[in-house]
Amino acid sequence: MDLPTICPKFEKAISLLSQRWTALIIYQLLSGPQRFNEIQSAIGISGKVLSDRLKELEKKRNHKTRSYSGHTGCY
C-alpha cells in the first residue's frame, strides 16, 4: 500500500503543533503581544518549558521578541 505524499509545510506544522503546550502558547499569543509572565500564568505552564517552546518558535520564525519601554520579554 502506497502512502500519499504529504505537503512538507503541512508536515512541519503538524510536527510543531504536536509538541506539548505549543498549540496553547500560539493560541494565547493570538490575542496580541504579551509578557512572559502573562503567558505563563494564563496557561499554567512552567517557566522552563515556556522558555524552551518560545525559543523553538522564535528559531523557526513563528514569532519574535519585542522590546517595550526598553525592556525585552514581550512575545
N, C-alpha and C. Protein backbone atom coordinates (compact mmCIF):
# COMPACT_ATOMS: atom_id res chain seq x y z
N MET A 1 0.84 -1.18 0.00
CA MET A 1 0.00 0.00 0.00
C MET A 1 0.88 1.25 0.00
N ASP A 2 0.69 2.09 -0.98
CA ASP A 2 1.46 3.33 -1.07
C ASP A 2 0.82 4.41 -0.20
N LEU A 3 1.65 5.07 0.57
CA LEU A 3 1.16 6.18 1.38
C LEU A 3 1.13 7.45 0.53
N PRO A 4 0.11 8.27 0.71
CA PRO A 4 0.04 9.51 -0.07
C PRO A 4 1.16 10.47 0.36
N THR A 5 1.59 11.28 -0.57
CA THR A 5 2.60 12.27 -0.28
C THR A 5 1.98 13.41 0.50
N ILE A 6 2.64 13.78 1.58
CA ILE A 6 2.14 14.88 2.41
C ILE A 6 2.96 16.13 2.12
N CYS A 7 2.28 17.24 2.03
CA CYS A 7 2.95 18.51 1.80
C CYS A 7 3.97 18.75 2.91
N PRO A 8 5.22 19.07 2.58
CA PRO A 8 6.24 19.29 3.60
C PRO A 8 5.89 20.40 4.60
N LYS A 9 5.23 21.44 4.14
CA LYS A 9 4.84 22.53 5.04
C LYS A 9 3.79 22.06 6.04
N PHE A 10 2.85 21.24 5.57
CA PHE A 10 1.83 20.69 6.45
C PHE A 10 2.47 19.76 7.48
N GLU A 11 3.38 18.94 7.02
CA GLU A 11 4.07 18.01 7.91
C GLU A 11 4.87 18.77 8.98
N LYS A 12 5.51 19.85 8.60
CA LYS A 12 6.28 20.68 9.54
C LYS A 12 5.34 21.32 10.57
N ALA A 13 4.20 21.82 10.11
CA ALA A 13 3.23 22.45 11.02
C ALA A 13 2.68 21.45 12.02
N ILE A 14 2.33 20.26 11.56
CA ILE A 14 1.81 19.22 12.45
C ILE A 14 2.87 18.80 13.46
N SER A 15 4.10 18.69 13.01
CA SER A 15 5.20 18.33 13.91
C SER A 15 5.37 19.37 15.01
N LEU A 16 5.28 20.63 14.64
CA LEU A 16 5.43 21.72 15.62
C LEU A 16 4.25 21.74 16.59
N LEU A 17 3.03 21.66 16.07
CA LEU A 17 1.84 21.75 16.91
C LEU A 17 1.63 20.51 17.78
N SER A 18 2.25 19.41 17.42
CA SER A 18 2.07 18.19 18.21
C SER A 18 2.91 18.19 19.49
N GLN A 19 3.83 19.14 19.61
CA GLN A 19 4.60 19.24 20.84
C GLN A 19 3.72 19.79 21.95
N ARG A 20 3.87 19.21 23.11
CA ARG A 20 3.04 19.61 24.24
C ARG A 20 3.20 21.10 24.51
N TRP A 21 2.11 21.78 24.76
CA TRP A 21 1.99 23.20 25.11
C TRP A 21 2.09 24.15 23.91
N THR A 22 2.68 23.75 22.81
CA THR A 22 2.92 24.69 21.71
C THR A 22 1.62 25.28 21.17
N ALA A 23 0.62 24.47 20.95
CA ALA A 23 -0.65 24.98 20.42
C ALA A 23 -1.29 25.98 21.39
N LEU A 24 -1.22 25.69 22.69
CA LEU A 24 -1.78 26.62 23.68
C LEU A 24 -1.02 27.94 23.72
N ILE A 25 0.29 27.87 23.56
CA ILE A 25 1.10 29.10 23.54
C ILE A 25 0.72 29.94 22.33
N ILE A 26 0.62 29.31 21.18
CA ILE A 26 0.25 30.04 19.96
C ILE A 26 -1.15 30.63 20.11
N TYR A 27 -2.08 29.85 20.66
CA TYR A 27 -3.44 30.35 20.88
C TYR A 27 -3.43 31.57 21.80
N GLN A 28 -2.64 31.51 22.86
CA GLN A 28 -2.55 32.63 23.81
C GLN A 28 -2.00 33.88 23.13
N LEU A 29 -1.05 33.70 22.23
CA LEU A 29 -0.42 34.84 21.55
C LEU A 29 -1.31 35.44 20.46
N LEU A 30 -2.38 34.76 20.08
CA LEU A 30 -3.29 35.31 19.07
C LEU A 30 -3.96 36.59 19.54
N SER A 31 -4.06 36.78 20.85
CA SER A 31 -4.71 37.99 21.38
C SER A 31 -3.77 39.19 21.40
N GLY A 32 -2.53 39.02 20.98
CA GLY A 32 -1.60 40.13 20.89
C GLY A 32 -0.35 39.91 21.74
N PRO A 33 0.59 40.86 21.66
CA PRO A 33 1.85 40.74 22.41
C PRO A 33 1.60 40.64 23.91
N GLN A 34 2.36 39.77 24.55
CA GLN A 34 2.23 39.57 25.99
C GLN A 34 3.60 39.33 26.59
N ARG A 35 3.73 39.67 27.85
CA ARG A 35 4.97 39.40 28.57
C ARG A 35 5.02 37.93 28.96
N PHE A 36 6.24 37.47 29.20
CA PHE A 36 6.49 36.07 29.54
C PHE A 36 5.60 35.62 30.70
N ASN A 37 5.58 36.40 31.78
CA ASN A 37 4.80 36.02 32.97
C ASN A 37 3.30 35.98 32.70
N GLU A 38 2.82 36.82 31.80
CA GLU A 38 1.40 36.81 31.44
C GLU A 38 1.04 35.50 30.74
N ILE A 39 1.90 35.09 29.83
CA ILE A 39 1.65 33.83 29.11
C ILE A 39 1.71 32.66 30.09
N GLN A 40 2.72 32.68 30.94
CA GLN A 40 2.92 31.60 31.90
C GLN A 40 1.72 31.43 32.82
N SER A 41 1.23 32.53 33.38
CA SER A 41 0.11 32.42 34.31
C SER A 41 -1.21 32.12 33.59
N ALA A 42 -1.35 32.57 32.36
CA ALA A 42 -2.59 32.33 31.62
C ALA A 42 -2.80 30.86 31.28
N ILE A 43 -1.71 30.15 30.98
CA ILE A 43 -1.89 28.75 30.58
C ILE A 43 -1.36 27.75 31.60
N GLY A 44 -0.74 28.23 32.68
CA GLY A 44 -0.29 27.33 33.74
C GLY A 44 0.85 26.42 33.36
N ILE A 45 1.84 26.97 32.69
CA ILE A 45 2.99 26.22 32.22
C ILE A 45 4.21 26.61 33.04
N SER A 46 5.16 25.69 33.20
CA SER A 46 6.37 26.03 33.94
C SER A 46 7.22 27.00 33.12
N GLY A 47 8.00 27.80 33.81
CA GLY A 47 8.84 28.79 33.14
C GLY A 47 9.85 28.16 32.20
N LYS A 48 10.43 27.02 32.59
CA LYS A 48 11.42 26.37 31.74
C LYS A 48 10.80 25.86 30.45
N VAL A 49 9.66 25.21 30.56
CA VAL A 49 9.00 24.67 29.36
C VAL A 49 8.58 25.81 28.45
N LEU A 50 8.00 26.87 29.02
CA LEU A 50 7.59 28.01 28.21
C LEU A 50 8.79 28.63 27.51
N SER A 51 9.87 28.80 28.24
CA SER A 51 11.09 29.37 27.65
C SER A 51 11.59 28.51 26.50
N ASP A 52 11.63 27.20 26.70
CA ASP A 52 12.08 26.28 25.64
C ASP A 52 11.19 26.36 24.41
N ARG A 53 9.86 26.37 24.61
CA ARG A 53 8.94 26.41 23.48
C ARG A 53 9.04 27.74 22.73
N LEU A 54 9.16 28.85 23.47
CA LEU A 54 9.28 30.16 22.81
C LEU A 54 10.58 30.25 22.02
N LYS A 55 11.65 29.68 22.54
CA LYS A 55 12.92 29.66 21.80
C LYS A 55 12.78 28.87 20.51
N GLU A 56 12.09 27.72 20.59
CA GLU A 56 11.85 26.92 19.38
C GLU A 56 11.03 27.68 18.35
N LEU A 57 9.97 28.33 18.82
CA LEU A 57 9.12 29.09 17.90
C LEU A 57 9.89 30.24 17.28
N GLU A 58 10.71 30.90 18.08
CA GLU A 58 11.49 32.02 17.56
C GLU A 58 12.52 31.52 16.54
N LYS A 59 13.13 30.38 16.83
CA LYS A 59 14.12 29.82 15.91
C LYS A 59 13.46 29.46 14.58
N LYS A 60 12.23 29.00 14.64
CA LYS A 60 11.50 28.64 13.42
C LYS A 60 10.77 29.84 12.82
N ARG A 61 11.02 31.01 13.39
CA ARG A 61 10.50 32.29 12.90
C ARG A 61 8.98 32.39 12.93
N ASN A 62 8.37 31.77 13.92
CA ASN A 62 6.92 31.87 14.06
C ASN A 62 6.52 33.02 14.96
N HIS A 63 7.44 33.58 15.68
CA HIS A 63 7.17 34.76 16.49
C HIS A 63 8.48 35.48 16.75
N LYS A 64 8.39 36.69 17.21
CA LYS A 64 9.57 37.49 17.52
C LYS A 64 9.41 38.11 18.88
N THR A 65 10.52 38.32 19.56
CA THR A 65 10.52 39.03 20.82
C THR A 65 10.57 40.51 20.52
N ARG A 66 9.75 41.28 21.21
CA ARG A 66 9.73 42.73 21.01
C ARG A 66 10.17 43.43 22.28
N SER A 67 10.72 44.60 22.12
CA SER A 67 11.14 45.40 23.27
C SER A 67 10.15 46.54 23.47
N TYR A 68 9.66 46.69 24.70
CA TYR A 68 8.76 47.77 25.05
C TYR A 68 9.35 48.53 26.22
N SER A 69 9.40 49.83 26.13
CA SER A 69 9.91 50.69 27.20
C SER A 69 11.31 50.27 27.64
N GLY A 70 12.11 49.85 26.69
CA GLY A 70 13.48 49.46 27.00
C GLY A 70 13.63 48.09 27.62
N HIS A 71 12.54 47.36 27.80
CA HIS A 71 12.60 46.03 28.39
C HIS A 71 12.26 44.99 27.33
N THR A 72 12.98 43.89 27.34
CA THR A 72 12.64 42.80 26.43
C THR A 72 11.69 41.86 27.13
N GLY A 73 11.13 40.95 26.40
CA GLY A 73 10.29 39.93 27.01
C GLY A 73 8.86 39.92 26.55
N CYS A 74 8.49 40.71 25.56
CA CYS A 74 7.14 40.62 25.01
C CYS A 74 7.20 39.75 23.77
N TYR A 75 6.23 38.88 23.63
CA TYR A 75 6.21 37.95 22.51
C TYR A 75 4.99 38.18 21.65
